[in-house]
Amino acid sequence: MTPIDSSDEPEEALFVPHTELSADALRGVVESFVLREGTDYGEREFSLEQKLAHVYRQLERGEARIVFDPNTETIDIISTQARGSSAARTPSPRSKPE
């Protein structure tokens, strides 16, 4: 019988408080998110700086959180607000241990 290697089991995603990142790291995470988002903003165009400011405000208000997935070694920003069926696709990461 072969022992089970626990490293093969998926690890839970972790929330990363935005306040724990340096200003440069936070900007990099938010900028990467905004640039890959591909959201259609309708008739009004927003500059990169406006989009960044919007995400920063959401992080500050707790409407969005940064999440790190150790399985894929990726970081993302997710909404904490339920929005119809998208809430079902939102991962349920655990808080980062203190």
PDB file of N, CA and C in Angstrom:
ATOM      1  N   MET A   1       0.842  -1.171   0.000  1.00  0.00           N
ATOM      2  CA  MET A   1       0.000   0.000   0.000  1.00  0.00           C
ATOM      3  C   MET A   1       0.891   1.239   0.000  1.00  0.00           C
ATOM      4  N   THR A   2       0.623   2.179  -0.879  1.00  0.00           N
ATOM      5  CA  THR A   2       1.424   3.392  -0.995  1.00  0.00           C
ATOM      6  C   THR A   2       0.813   4.511  -0.144  1.00  0.00           C
ATOM      7  N   PRO A   3       1.655   5.231   0.590  1.00  0.00           N
ATOM      8  CA  PRO A   3       1.113   6.352   1.382  1.00  0.00           C
ATOM      9  C   PRO A   3       0.555   7.445   0.467  1.00  0.00           C
ATOM     10  N   ILE A   4      -0.470   8.090   0.948  1.00  0.00           N
ATOM     11  CA  ILE A   4      -1.088   9.178   0.190  1.00  0.00           C
ATOM     12  C   ILE A   4      -0.254  10.435   0.363  1.00  0.00           C
ATOM     13  N   ASP A   5       0.110  11.031  -0.742  1.00  0.00           N
ATOM     14  CA  ASP A   5       0.887  12.278  -0.712  1.00  0.00           C
ATOM     15  C   ASP A   5      -0.094  13.435  -0.583  1.00  0.00           C
ATOM     16  N   SER A   6      -0.083  14.096   0.565  1.00  0.00           N
ATOM     17  CA  SER A   6      -1.037  15.184   0.805  1.00  0.00           C
ATOM     18  C   SER A   6      -0.794  16.387  -0.106  1.00  0.00           C
ATOM     19  N   SER A   7       0.381  16.469  -0.739  1.00  0.00           N
ATOM     20  CA  SER A   7       0.647  17.602  -1.630  1.00  0.00           C
ATOM     21  C   SER A   7      -0.187  17.506  -2.907  1.00  0.00           C
ATOM     22  N   ASP A   8      -0.755  16.313  -3.192  1.00  0.00           N
ATOM     23  CA  ASP A   8      -1.607  16.150  -4.363  1.00  0.00           C
ATOM     24  C   ASP A   8      -3.011  16.708  -4.138  1.00  0.00           C
ATOM     25  N   GLU A   9      -3.368  16.930  -2.887  1.00  0.00           N
ATOM     26  CA  GLU A   9      -4.687  17.463  -2.572  1.00  0.00           C
ATOM     27  C   GLU A   9      -4.705  18.959  -2.846  1.00  0.00           C
ATOM     28  N   PRO A  10      -5.801  19.451  -3.441  1.00  0.00           N
ATOM     29  CA  PRO A  10      -5.877  20.892  -3.711  1.00  0.00           C
ATOM     30  C   PRO A  10      -5.877  21.698  -2.409  1.00  0.00           C
ATOM     31  N   GLU A  11      -5.169  22.790  -2.441  1.00  0.00           N
ATOM     32  CA  GLU A  11      -5.137  23.688  -1.283  1.00  0.00           C
ATOM     33  C   GLU A  11      -6.229  24.728  -1.425  1.00  0.00           C
ATOM     34  N   GLU A  12      -6.732  25.192  -0.293  1.00  0.00           N
ATOM     35  CA  GLU A  12      -7.762  26.227  -0.311  1.00  0.00           C
ATOM     36  C   GLU A  12      -7.154  27.572  -0.687  1.00  0.00           C
ATOM     37  N   ALA A  13      -7.932  28.369  -1.394  1.00  0.00           N
ATOM     38  CA  ALA A  13      -7.497  29.721  -1.736  1.00  0.00           C
ATOM     39  C   ALA A  13      -7.456  30.570  -0.468  1.00  0.00           C
ATOM     40  N   LEU A  14      -6.636  31.611  -0.490  1.00  0.00           N
ATOM     41  CA  LEU A  14      -6.475  32.494   0.665  1.00  0.00           C
ATOM     42  C   LEU A  14      -6.855  33.920   0.301  1.00  0.00           C
ATOM     43  N   PHE A  15      -7.562  34.584   1.211  1.00  0.00           N
ATOM     44  CA  PHE A  15      -7.783  36.013   1.042  1.00  0.00           C
ATOM     45  C   PHE A  15      -6.522  36.735   1.480  1.00  0.00           C
ATOM     46  N   VAL A  16      -6.138  37.738   0.717  1.00  0.00           N
ATOM     47  CA  VAL A  16      -4.966  38.550   1.038  1.00  0.00           C
ATOM     48  C   VAL A  16      -5.464  39.970   1.291  1.00  0.00           C
ATOM     49  N   PRO A  17      -5.394  40.449   2.534  1.00  0.00           N
ATOM     50  CA  PRO A  17      -5.837  41.815   2.800  1.00  0.00           C
ATOM     51  C   PRO A  17      -5.039  42.813   1.958  1.00  0.00           C
ATOM     52  N   HIS A  18      -5.736  43.700   1.274  1.00  0.00           N
ATOM     53  CA  HIS A  18      -5.047  44.662   0.396  1.00  0.00           C
ATOM     54  C   HIS A  18      -4.100  45.549   1.187  1.00  0.00           C
ATOM     55  N   THR A  19      -4.365  45.708   2.464  1.00  0.00           N
ATOM     56  CA  THR A  19      -3.526  46.560   3.311  1.00  0.00           C
ATOM     57  C   THR A  19      -2.174  45.910   3.612  1.00  0.00           C
ATOM     58  N   GLU A  20      -2.034  44.607   3.344  1.00  0.00           N
ATOM     59  CA  GLU A  20      -0.772  43.923   3.593  1.00  0.00           C
ATOM     60  C   GLU A  20       0.184  43.984   2.404  1.00  0.00           C
ATOM     61  N   LEU A  21      -0.284  44.521   1.286  1.00  0.00           N
ATOM     62  CA  LEU A  21       0.566  44.634   0.103  1.00  0.00           C
ATOM     63  C   LEU A  21       1.212  46.011   0.046  1.00  0.00           C
ATOM     64  N   SER A  22       2.402  46.076  -0.505  1.00  0.00           N
ATOM     65  CA  SER A  22       3.027  47.382  -0.722  1.00  0.00           C
ATOM     66  C   SER A  22       2.220  48.126  -1.780  1.00  0.00           C
ATOM     67  N   ALA A  23       2.405  49.425  -1.863  1.00  0.00           N
ATOM     68  CA  ALA A  23       1.677  50.232  -2.852  1.00  0.00           C
ATOM     69  C   ALA A  23       1.946  49.730  -4.268  1.00  0.00           C
ATOM     70  N   ASP A  24       3.204  49.395  -4.555  1.00  0.00           N
ATOM     71  CA  ASP A  24       3.563  48.904  -5.888  1.00  0.00           C
ATOM     72  C   ASP A  24       2.928  47.547  -6.181  1.00  0.00           C
ATOM     73  N   ALA A  25       2.954  46.644  -5.199  1.00  0.00           N
ATOM     74  CA  ALA A  25       2.365  45.316  -5.391  1.00  0.00           C
ATOM     75  C   ALA A  25       0.853  45.432  -5.585  1.00  0.00           C
ATOM     76  N   LEU A  26       0.209  46.273  -4.781  1.00  0.00           N
ATOM     77  CA  LEU A  26      -1.234  46.462  -4.903  1.00  0.00           C
ATOM     78  C   LEU A  26      -1.589  47.018  -6.271  1.00  0.00           C
ATOM     79  N   ARG A  27      -0.857  48.003  -6.720  1.00  0.00           N
ATOM     80  CA  ARG A  27      -1.128  48.563  -8.042  1.00  0.00           C
ATOM     81  C   ARG A  27      -0.953  47.489  -9.122  1.00  0.00           C
ATOM     82  N   GLY A  28       0.071  46.668  -8.997  1.00  0.00           N
ATOM     83  CA  GLY A  28       0.287  45.607  -9.971  1.00  0.00           C
ATOM     84  C   GLY A  28      -0.875  44.624 -10.023  1.00  0.00           C
ATOM     85  N   VAL A  29      -1.382  44.233  -8.854  1.00  0.00           N
ATOM     86  CA  VAL A  29      -2.515  43.304  -8.788  1.00  0.00           C
ATOM     87  C   VAL A  29      -3.761  43.942  -9.393  1.00  0.00           C
ATOM     88  N   VAL A  30      -4.051  45.186  -8.992  1.00  0.00           N
ATOM     89  CA  VAL A  30      -5.250  45.868  -9.472  1.00  0.00           C
ATOM     90  C   VAL A  30      -5.133  46.155 -10.971  1.00  0.00           C
ATOM     91  N   GLU A  31      -3.981  46.597 -11.415  1.00  0.00           N
ATOM     92  CA  GLU A  31      -3.791  46.892 -12.834  1.00  0.00           C
ATOM     93  C   GLU A  31      -3.948  45.626 -13.681  1.00  0.00           C
ATOM     94  N   SER A  32      -3.370  44.538 -13.223  1.00  0.00           N
ATOM     95  CA  SER A  32      -3.498  43.269 -13.943  1.00  0.00           C
ATOM     96  C   SER A  32      -4.965  42.857 -14.043  1.00  0.00           C
ATOM     97  N   PHE A  33      -5.697  43.016 -12.962  1.00  0.00           N
ATOM     98  CA  PHE A  33      -7.119  42.678 -12.947  1.00  0.00           C
ATOM     99  C   PHE A  33      -7.897  43.555 -13.922  1.00  0.00           C
ATOM    100  N   VAL A  34      -7.670  44.855 -13.874  1.00  0.00           N
ATOM    101  CA  VAL A  34      -8.406  45.793 -14.733  1.00  0.00           C
ATOM    102  C   VAL A  34      -8.098  45.538 -16.207  1.00  0.00           C
ATOM    103  N   LEU A  35      -6.838  45.277 -16.520  1.00  0.00           N
ATOM    104  CA  LEU A  35      -6.457  45.084 -17.917  1.00  0.00           C
ATOM    105  C   LEU A  35      -6.984  43.780 -18.511  1.00  0.00           C
ATOM    106  N   ARG A  36      -7.169  42.767 -17.695  1.00  0.00           N
ATOM    107  CA  ARG A  36      -7.686  41.504 -18.230  1.00  0.00           C
ATOM    108  C   ARG A  36      -9.194  41.385 -18.084  1.00  0.00           C
ATOM    109  N   GLU A  37      -9.796  42.309 -17.359  1.00  0.00           N
ATOM    110  CA  GLU A  37     -11.230  42.237 -17.072  1.00  0.00           C
ATOM    111  C   GLU A  37     -12.069  42.225 -18.340  1.00  0.00           C
ATOM    112  N   GLY A  38     -11.778  43.096 -19.297  1.00  0.00           N
ATOM    113  CA  GLY A  38     -12.514  43.110 -20.546  1.00  0.00           C
ATOM    114  C   GLY A  38     -13.967  43.502 -20.415  1.00  0.00           C
ATOM    115  N   THR A  39     -14.293  44.254 -19.384  1.00  0.00           N
ATOM    116  CA  THR A  39     -15.675  44.657 -19.157  1.00  0.00           C
ATOM    117  C   THR A  39     -16.083  45.758 -20.113  1.00  0.00           C
ATOM    118  N   ASP A  40     -17.282  45.663 -20.627  1.00  0.00           N
ATOM    119  CA  ASP A  40     -17.850  46.706 -21.471  1.00  0.00           C
ATOM    120  C   ASP A  40     -18.494  47.740 -20.551  1.00  0.00           C
ATOM    121  N   TYR A  41     -18.003  48.948 -20.592  1.00  0.00           N
ATOM    122  CA  TYR A  41     -18.505  49.995 -19.715  1.00  0.00           C
ATOM    123  C   TYR A  41     -19.635  50.801 -20.362  1.00  0.00           C
ATOM    124  N   GLY A  42     -20.157  50.312 -21.454  1.00  0.00           N
ATOM    125  CA  GLY A  42     -21.276  50.993 -22.105  1.00  0.00           C
ATOM    126  C   GLY A  42     -20.809  52.162 -22.940  1.00  0.00           C
ATOM    127  N   GLU A  43     -21.632  53.210 -22.988  1.00  0.00           N
ATOM    128  CA  GLU A  43     -21.351  54.375 -23.832  1.00  0.00           C
ATOM    129  C   GLU A  43     -20.185  55.200 -23.316  1.00  0.00           C
ATOM    130  N   ARG A  44     -19.978  55.184 -22.012  1.00  0.00           N
ATOM    131  CA  ARG A  44     -18.932  56.012 -21.417  1.00  0.00           C
ATOM    132  C   ARG A  44     -17.627  55.235 -21.322  1.00  0.00           C
ATOM    133  N   GLU A  45     -16.561  55.851 -21.752  1.00  0.00           N
ATOM    134  CA  GLU A  45     -15.230  55.267 -21.647  1.00  0.00           C
ATOM    135  C   GLU A  45     -14.584  55.729 -20.341  1.00  0.00           C
ATOM    136  N   PHE A  46     -13.836  54.850 -19.702  1.00  0.00           N
ATOM    137  CA  PHE A  46     -13.110  55.187 -18.486  1.00  0.00           C
ATOM    138  C   PHE A  46     -11.624  54.998 -18.743  1.00  0.00           C
ATOM    139  N   SER A  47     -10.836  55.912 -18.223  1.00  0.00           N
ATOM    140  CA  SER A  47      -9.377  55.786 -18.353  1.00  0.00           C
ATOM    141  C   SER A  47      -8.883  54.679 -17.421  1.00  0.00           C
ATOM    142  N   LEU A  48      -7.661  54.244 -17.642  1.00  0.00           N
ATOM    143  CA  LEU A  48      -7.070  53.238 -16.772  1.00  0.00           C
ATOM    144  C   LEU A  48      -7.061  53.719 -15.323  1.00  0.00           C
ATOM    145  N   GLU A  49      -6.694  54.968 -15.116  1.00  0.00           N
ATOM    146  CA  GLU A  49      -6.648  55.519 -13.749  1.00  0.00           C
ATOM    147  C   GLU A  49      -8.027  55.512 -13.095  1.00  0.00           C
ATOM    148  N   GLN A  50      -9.080  55.795 -13.860  1.00  0.00           N
ATOM    149  CA  GLN A  50     -10.443  55.763 -13.314  1.00  0.00           C
ATOM    150  C   GLN A  50     -10.842  54.340 -12.935  1.00  0.00           C
ATOM    151  N   LYS A  51     -10.482  53.396 -13.788  1.00  0.00           N
ATOM    152  CA  LYS A  51     -10.790  51.997 -13.490  1.00  0.00           C
ATOM    153  C   LYS A  51     -10.036  51.531 -12.241  1.00  0.00           C
ATOM    154  N   LEU A  52      -8.754  51.908 -12.136  1.00  0.00           N
ATOM    155  CA  LEU A  52      -7.966  51.549 -10.965  1.00  0.00           C
ATOM    156  C   LEU A  52      -8.587  52.142  -9.697  1.00  0.00           C
ATOM    157  N   ALA A  53      -8.966  53.409  -9.766  1.00  0.00           N
ATOM    158  CA  ALA A  53      -9.572  54.082  -8.609  1.00  0.00           C
ATOM    159  C   ALA A  53     -10.855  53.380  -8.177  1.00  0.00           C
ATOM    160  N   HIS A  54     -11.637  52.942  -9.149  1.00  0.00           N
ATOM    161  CA  HIS A  54     -12.880  52.239  -8.843  1.00  0.00           C
ATOM    162  C   HIS A  54     -12.592  50.949  -8.068  1.00  0.00           C
ATOM    163  N   VAL A  55     -11.606  50.177  -8.501  1.00  0.00           N
ATOM    164  CA  VAL A  55     -11.272  48.929  -7.818  1.00  0.00           C
ATOM    165  C   VAL A  55     -10.683  49.213  -6.439  1.00  0.00           C
ATOM    166  N   TYR A  56      -9.826  50.230  -6.328  1.00  0.00           N
ATOM    167  CA  TYR A  56      -9.281  50.609  -5.013  1.00  0.00           C
ATOM    168  C   TYR A  56     -10.415  50.930  -4.036  1.00  0.00           C
ATOM    169  N   ARG A  57     -11.415  51.687  -4.509  1.00  0.00           N
ATOM    170  CA  ARG A  57     -12.558  52.033  -3.646  1.00  0.00           C
ATOM    171  C   ARG A  57     -13.310  50.778  -3.213  1.00  0.00           C
ATOM    172  N   GLN A  58     -13.498  49.845  -4.140  1.00  0.00           N
ATOM    173  CA  GLN A  58     -14.191  48.604  -3.798  1.00  0.00           C
ATOM    174  C   GLN A  58     -13.408  47.818  -2.741  1.00  0.00           C
ATOM    175  N   LEU A  59     -12.092  47.786  -2.862  1.00  0.00           N
ATOM    176  CA  LEU A  59     -11.270  47.100  -1.865  1.00  0.00           C
ATOM    177  C   LEU A  59     -11.380  47.789  -0.509  1.00  0.00           C
ATOM    178  N   GLU A  60     -11.293  49.103  -0.509  1.00  0.00           N
ATOM    179  CA  GLU A  60     -11.383  49.870   0.746  1.00  0.00           C
ATOM    180  C   GLU A  60     -12.726  49.670   1.448  1.00  0.00           C
ATOM    181  N   ARG A  61     -13.812  49.597   0.669  1.00  0.00           N
ATOM    182  CA  ARG A  61     -15.157  49.444   1.230  1.00  0.00           C
ATOM    183  C   ARG A  61     -15.501  47.992   1.542  1.00  0.00           C
ATOM    184  N   GLY A  62     -14.612  47.073   1.206  1.00  0.00           N
ATOM    185  CA  GLY A  62     -14.881  45.666   1.461  1.00  0.00           C
ATOM    186  C   GLY A  62     -15.828  45.040   0.445  1.00  0.00           C
ATOM    187  N   GLU A  63     -16.033  45.710  -0.682  1.00  0.00           N
ATOM    188  CA  GLU A  63     -16.916  45.188  -1.726  1.00  0.00           C
ATOM    189  C   GLU A  63     -16.183  44.226  -2.648  1.00  0.00           C
ATOM    190  N   ALA A  64     -14.865  44.201  -2.549  1.00  0.00           N
ATOM    191  CA  ALA A  64     -14.033  43.303  -3.332  1.00  0.00           C
ATOM    192  C   ALA A  64     -12.870  42.860  -2.449  1.00  0.00           C
ATOM    193  N   ARG A  65     -12.341  41.682  -2.762  1.00  0.00           N
ATOM    194  CA  ARG A  65     -11.217  41.150  -1.995  1.00  0.00           C
ATOM    195  C   ARG A  65     -10.205  40.531  -2.941  1.00  0.00           C
ATOM    196  N   ILE A  66      -8.967  40.526  -2.496  1.00  0.00           N
ATOM    197  CA  ILE A  66      -7.895  39.889  -3.252  1.00  0.00           C
ATOM    198  C   ILE A  66      -7.794  38.448  -2.762  1.00  0.00           C
ATOM    199  N   VAL A  67      -7.698  37.527  -3.719  1.00  0.00           N
ATOM    200  CA  VAL A  67      -7.617  36.113  -3.365  1.00  0.00           C
ATOM    201  C   VAL A  67      -6.442  35.468  -4.106  1.00  0.00           C
ATOM    202  N   PHE A  68      -5.682  34.647  -3.367  1.00  0.00           N
ATOM    203  CA  PHE A  68      -4.551  33.924  -3.937  1.00  0.00           C
ATOM    204  C   PHE A  68      -4.901  32.448  -3.990  1.00  0.00           C
ATOM    205  N   ASP A  69      -4.730  31.828  -5.159  1.00  0.00           N
ATOM    206  CA  ASP A  69      -4.971  30.399  -5.335  1.00  0.00           C
ATOM    207  C   ASP A  69      -3.618  29.702  -5.382  1.00  0.00           C
ATOM    208  N   PRO A  70      -3.246  28.978  -4.310  1.00  0.00           N
ATOM    209  CA  PRO A  70      -1.942  28.323  -4.284  1.00  0.00           C
ATOM    210  C   PRO A  70      -1.826  27.171  -5.278  1.00  0.00           C
ATOM    211  N   ASN A  71      -2.944  26.642  -5.751  1.00  0.00           N
ATOM    212  CA  ASN A  71      -2.913  25.540  -6.717  1.00  0.00           C
ATOM    213  C   ASN A  71      -2.439  26.006  -8.084  1.00  0.00           C
ATOM    214  N   THR A  72      -2.879  27.183  -8.463  1.00  0.00           N
ATOM    215  CA  THR A  72      -2.489  27.728  -9.769  1.00  0.00           C
ATOM    216  C   THR A  72      -1.458  28.839  -9.630  1.00  0.00           C
ATOM    217  N   GLU A  73      -1.163  29.209  -8.367  1.00  0.00           N
ATOM    218  CA  GLU A  73      -0.248  30.304  -8.061  1.00  0.00           C
ATOM    219  C   GLU A  73      -0.673  31.584  -8.770  1.00  0.00           C
ATOM    220  N   THR A  74      -1.989  31.843  -8.724  1.00  0.00           N
ATOM    221  CA  THR A  74      -2.538  33.058  -9.329  1.00  0.00           C
ATOM    222  C   THR A  74      -3.234  33.886  -8.271  1.00  0.00           C
ATOM    223  N   ILE A  75      -3.359  35.158  -8.590  1.00  0.00           N
ATOM    224  CA  ILE A  75      -4.039  36.089  -7.700  1.00  0.00           C
ATOM    225  C   ILE A  75      -5.150  36.761  -8.484  1.00  0.00           C
ATOM    226  N   ASP A  76      -6.257  37.036  -7.822  1.00  0.00           N
ATOM    227  CA  ASP A  76      -7.398  37.626  -8.499  1.00  0.00           C
ATOM    228  C   ASP A  76      -8.116  38.549  -7.522  1.00  0.00           C
ATOM    229  N   ILE A  77      -9.053  39.297  -8.048  1.00  0.00           N
ATOM    230  CA  ILE A  77      -9.911  40.150  -7.225  1.00  0.00           C
ATOM    231  C   ILE A  77     -11.327  39.674  -7.464  1.00  0.00           C
ATOM    232  N   ILE A  78     -12.038  39.395  -6.375  1.00  0.00           N
ATOM    233  CA  ILE A  78     -13.407  38.930  -6.499  1.00  0.00           C
ATOM    234  C   ILE A  78     -14.354  39.863  -5.760  1.00  0.00           C
ATOM    235  N   SER A  79     -15.576  39.903  -6.219  1.00  0.00           N
ATOM    236  CA  SER A  79     -16.612  40.708  -5.581  1.00  0.00           C
ATOM    237  C   SER A  79     -17.116  39.990  -4.344  1.00  0.00           C
ATOM    238  N   THR A  80     -17.393  40.743  -3.301  1.00  0.00           N
ATOM    239  CA  THR A  80     -17.993  40.162  -2.107  1.00  0.00           C
ATOM    240  C   THR A  80     -19.509  40.297  -2.164  1.00  0.00           C
ATOM    241  N   GLN A  81     -20.015  40.944  -3.198  1.00  0.00           N
ATOM    242  CA  GLN A  81     -21.443  41.167  -3.380  1.00  0.00           C
ATOM    243  C   GLN A  81     -22.018  40.059  -4.255  1.00  0.00           C
ATOM    244  N   ALA A  82     -23.119  39.484  -3.830  1.00  0.00           N
ATOM    245  CA  ALA A  82     -23.790  38.470  -4.655  1.00  0.00           C
ATOM    246  C   ALA A  82     -24.449  39.173  -5.832  1.00  0.00           C
ATOM    247  N   ARG A  83     -24.170  38.657  -7.023  1.00  0.00           N
ATOM    248  CA  ARG A  83     -24.753  39.240  -8.234  1.00  0.00           C
ATOM    249  C   ARG A  83     -25.370  38.131  -9.058  1.00  0.00           C
ATOM    250  N   GLY A  84     -26.588  37.770  -8.737  1.00  0.00           N
ATOM    251  CA  GLY A  84     -27.283  36.746  -9.509  1.00  0.00           C
ATOM    252  C   GLY A  84     -26.523  35.445  -9.501  1.00  0.00           C
ATOM    253  N   SER A  85     -26.348  34.839 -10.666  1.00  0.00           N
ATOM    254  CA  SER A  85     -25.718  33.533 -10.759  1.00  0.00           C
ATOM    255  C   SER A  85     -24.206  33.598 -10.591  1.00  0.00           C
ATOM    256  N   SER A  86     -23.606  34.777 -10.689  1.00  0.00           N
ATOM    257  CA  SER A  86     -22.154  34.864 -10.548  1.00  0.00           C
ATOM    258  C   SER A  86     -21.706  34.487  -9.144  1.00  0.00           C
ATOM    259  N   ALA A  87     -22.597  34.649  -8.165  1.00  0.00           N
ATOM    260  CA  ALA A  87     -22.235  34.305  -6.792  1.00  0.00           C
ATOM    261  C   ALA A  87     -21.929  32.821  -6.672  1.00  0.00           C
ATOM    262  N   ALA A  88     -22.580  32.002  -7.480  1.00  0.00           N
ATOM    263  CA  ALA A  88     -22.344  30.567  -7.434  1.00  0.00           C
ATOM    264  C   ALA A  88     -20.957  30.218  -7.975  1.00  0.00           C
ATOM    265  N   ARG A  89     -20.411  31.050  -8.831  1.00  0.00           N
ATOM    266  CA  ARG A  89     -19.094  30.771  -9.403  1.00  0.00           C
ATOM    267  C   ARG A  89     -17.969  31.389  -8.591  1.00  0.00           C
ATOM    268  N   THR A  90     -18.299  32.190  -7.590  1.00  0.00           N
ATOM    269  CA  THR A  90     -17.282  32.843  -6.781  1.00  0.00           C
ATOM    270  C   THR A  90     -16.639  31.825  -5.854  1.00  0.00           C
ATOM    271  N   PRO A  91     -15.316  31.713  -5.857  1.00  0.00           N
ATOM    272  CA  PRO A  91     -14.656  30.760  -4.957  1.00  0.00           C
ATOM    273  C   PRO A  91     -14.886  31.139  -3.507  1.00  0.00           C
ATOM    274  N   SER A  92     -14.758  30.174  -2.622  1.00  0.00           N
ATOM    275  CA  SER A  92     -14.962  30.450  -1.202  1.00  0.00           C
ATOM    276  C   SER A  92     -13.652  30.276  -0.453  1.00  0.00           C
ATOM    277  N   PRO A  93     -12.723  31.214  -0.660  1.00  0.00           N
ATOM    278  CA  PRO A  93     -11.427  31.100   0.018  1.00  0.00           C
ATOM    279  C   PRO A  93     -11.563  31.364   1.510  1.00  0.00           C
ATOM    280  N   ARG A  94     -10.638  30.822   2.256  1.00  0.00           N
ATOM    281  CA  ARG A  94     -10.628  31.105   3.694  1.00  0.00           C
ATOM    282  C   ARG A  94      -9.730  32.291   3.945  1.00  0.00           C
ATOM    283  N   SER A  95      -9.934  32.944   5.060  1.00  0.00           N
ATOM    284  CA  SER A  95      -9.114  34.102   5.394  1.00  0.00           C
ATOM    285  C   SER A  95      -7.686  33.670   5.654  1.00  0.00           C
ATOM    286  N   LYS A  96      -6.772  34.541   5.330  1.00  0.00           N
ATOM    287  CA  LYS A  96      -5.357  34.281   5.552  1.00  0.00           C
ATOM    288  C   LYS A  96      -5.105  34.211   7.051  1.00  0.00           C
ATOM    289  N   PRO A  97      -4.427  33.195   7.530  1.00  0.00           N
ATOM    290  CA  PRO A  97      -4.160  33.098   8.968  1.00  0.00           C
ATOM    291  C   PRO A  97      -3.308  34.258   9.452  1.00  0.00           C
ATOM    292  N   GLU A  98      -3.620  34.715  10.632  1.00  0.00           N
ATOM    293  CA  GLU A  98      -2.876  35.842  11.232  1.00  0.00           C
ATOM    294  C   GLU A  98      -1.548  35.368  11.739  1.00  0.00           C
TER     295      GLU A  98
END
